[in-house]
Amino acid sequence: MNTFTRVILHLNLMPQVGPATIKKLVKALGYDNISRLYSLSHAEICSFGFKPEFAAWLREQCADKAILDKVIMLSDCHKISVLSF
């Protein structure tokens, strides 16, 4: 699974993140740099137009990769492909 797909999958597993949020993040970071999401500061996330409370929540969600790792393990185990564009 490539880096972009992995990050987008992780974002889709977050309850308060929808297509508009993902689109805003991809536009701000770019397709090739989307993995920077994991190292962004609170101020950087806010600079993309997100509210401070959401930026703090997003940083916490990005730090917790347990659910992502479990979904990837299960998809590998059951030979499920993840589609992304």
Protein backbone atom coordinates (compact mmCIF):
# COMPACT_ATOMS: atom_id res chain seq x y z
CA MET A 1 0.00 0.00 0.00
CA ASN A 2 1.49 3.33 -1.01
CA THR A 3 1.90 6.23 1.41
CA PHE A 4 -0.92 8.32 -0.04
CA THR A 5 -3.40 5.45 0.20
CA ARG A 6 -2.29 4.68 3.75
CA VAL A 7 -2.82 8.30 4.90
CA ILE A 8 -6.18 8.60 3.13
CA LEU A 9 -7.30 5.30 4.67
CA HIS A 10 -6.26 6.56 8.11
CA LEU A 11 -8.21 9.79 7.61
CA ASN A 12 -11.28 7.82 6.51
CA LEU A 13 -11.16 5.84 9.75
CA MET A 14 -11.45 9.04 11.80
CA PRO A 15 -15.08 9.74 12.80
CA GLN A 16 -15.09 13.52 12.23
CA VAL A 17 -13.20 13.48 8.93
CA GLY A 18 -15.14 13.49 5.69
CA PRO A 19 -14.42 14.12 2.01
CA ALA A 20 -14.25 17.92 2.39
CA THR A 21 -11.61 17.67 5.11
CA ILE A 22 -9.55 15.19 3.11
CA LYS A 23 -9.78 17.37 0.01
CA LYS A 24 -8.65 20.42 2.01
CA LEU A 25 -5.67 18.52 3.43
CA VAL A 26 -4.61 17.12 0.05
CA LYS A 27 -4.89 20.58 -1.48
CA ALA A 28 -2.79 22.10 1.32
CA LEU A 29 -0.12 19.39 1.46
CA GLY A 30 -0.14 17.96 -2.04
CA TYR A 31 -0.43 14.37 -3.14
CA ASP A 32 3.29 13.68 -2.73
CA ASN A 33 3.57 15.31 0.71
CA ILE A 34 0.38 14.08 2.39
CA SER A 35 2.42 12.07 4.91
CA ARG A 36 3.62 15.39 6.36
CA LEU A 37 0.23 15.40 8.08
CA TYR A 38 1.75 13.28 10.85
CA SER A 39 4.38 15.88 11.71
CA LEU A 40 2.38 19.10 11.36
CA SER A 41 2.12 21.48 14.28
CA HIS A 42 -1.17 22.73 15.63
CA ALA A 43 -0.51 26.13 14.05
CA GLU A 44 0.20 24.60 10.65
CA ILE A 45 -3.08 22.69 10.67
CA CYS A 46 -4.93 25.86 11.68
CA SER A 47 -3.25 27.72 8.81
CA PHE A 48 -5.13 25.44 6.39
CA GLY A 49 -8.39 26.92 7.65
CA PHE A 50 -9.26 24.45 10.39
CA LYS A 51 -10.54 25.51 13.82
CA PRO A 52 -8.07 25.17 16.73
CA GLU A 53 -10.20 22.51 18.44
CA PHE A 54 -10.32 20.39 15.30
CA ALA A 55 -6.57 20.84 14.73
CA ALA A 56 -5.83 19.55 18.24
CA TRP A 57 -8.19 16.61 17.74
CA LEU A 58 -6.66 15.78 14.35
CA ARG A 59 -3.15 15.75 15.81
CA GLU A 60 -4.31 13.29 18.49
CA GLN A 61 -5.97 11.07 15.90
CA CYS A 62 -2.89 11.08 13.68
CA ALA A 63 -0.72 10.03 16.62
CA ASP A 64 -2.89 6.97 17.25
CA LYS A 65 -2.24 4.52 14.44
CA ALA A 66 -3.58 1.42 16.23
CA ILE A 67 -6.85 1.25 14.28
CA LEU A 68 -5.02 1.87 10.99
CA ASP A 69 -2.55 -0.93 11.70
CA LYS A 70 -5.42 -3.29 12.60
CA VAL A 71 -7.36 -2.50 9.39
CA ILE A 72 -4.24 -2.97 7.27
CA MET A 73 -3.43 -6.25 9.00
CA LEU A 74 -6.98 -7.52 8.47
CA SER A 75 -7.04 -6.43 4.83
CA ASP A 76 -3.72 -8.18 4.22
CA CYS A 77 -4.88 -11.29 6.04
CA HIS A 78 -8.07 -11.49 3.99
CA LYS A 79 -6.42 -10.33 0.76
CA ILE A 80 -8.59 -7.21 0.48
CA SER A 81 -7.31 -4.50 -1.82
CA VAL A 82 -7.75 -0.86 -0.94
CA LEU A 83 -8.59 1.38 -3.86
CA SER A 84 -7.48 5.00 -3.99
CA PHE A 85 -7.05 7.64 -6.61
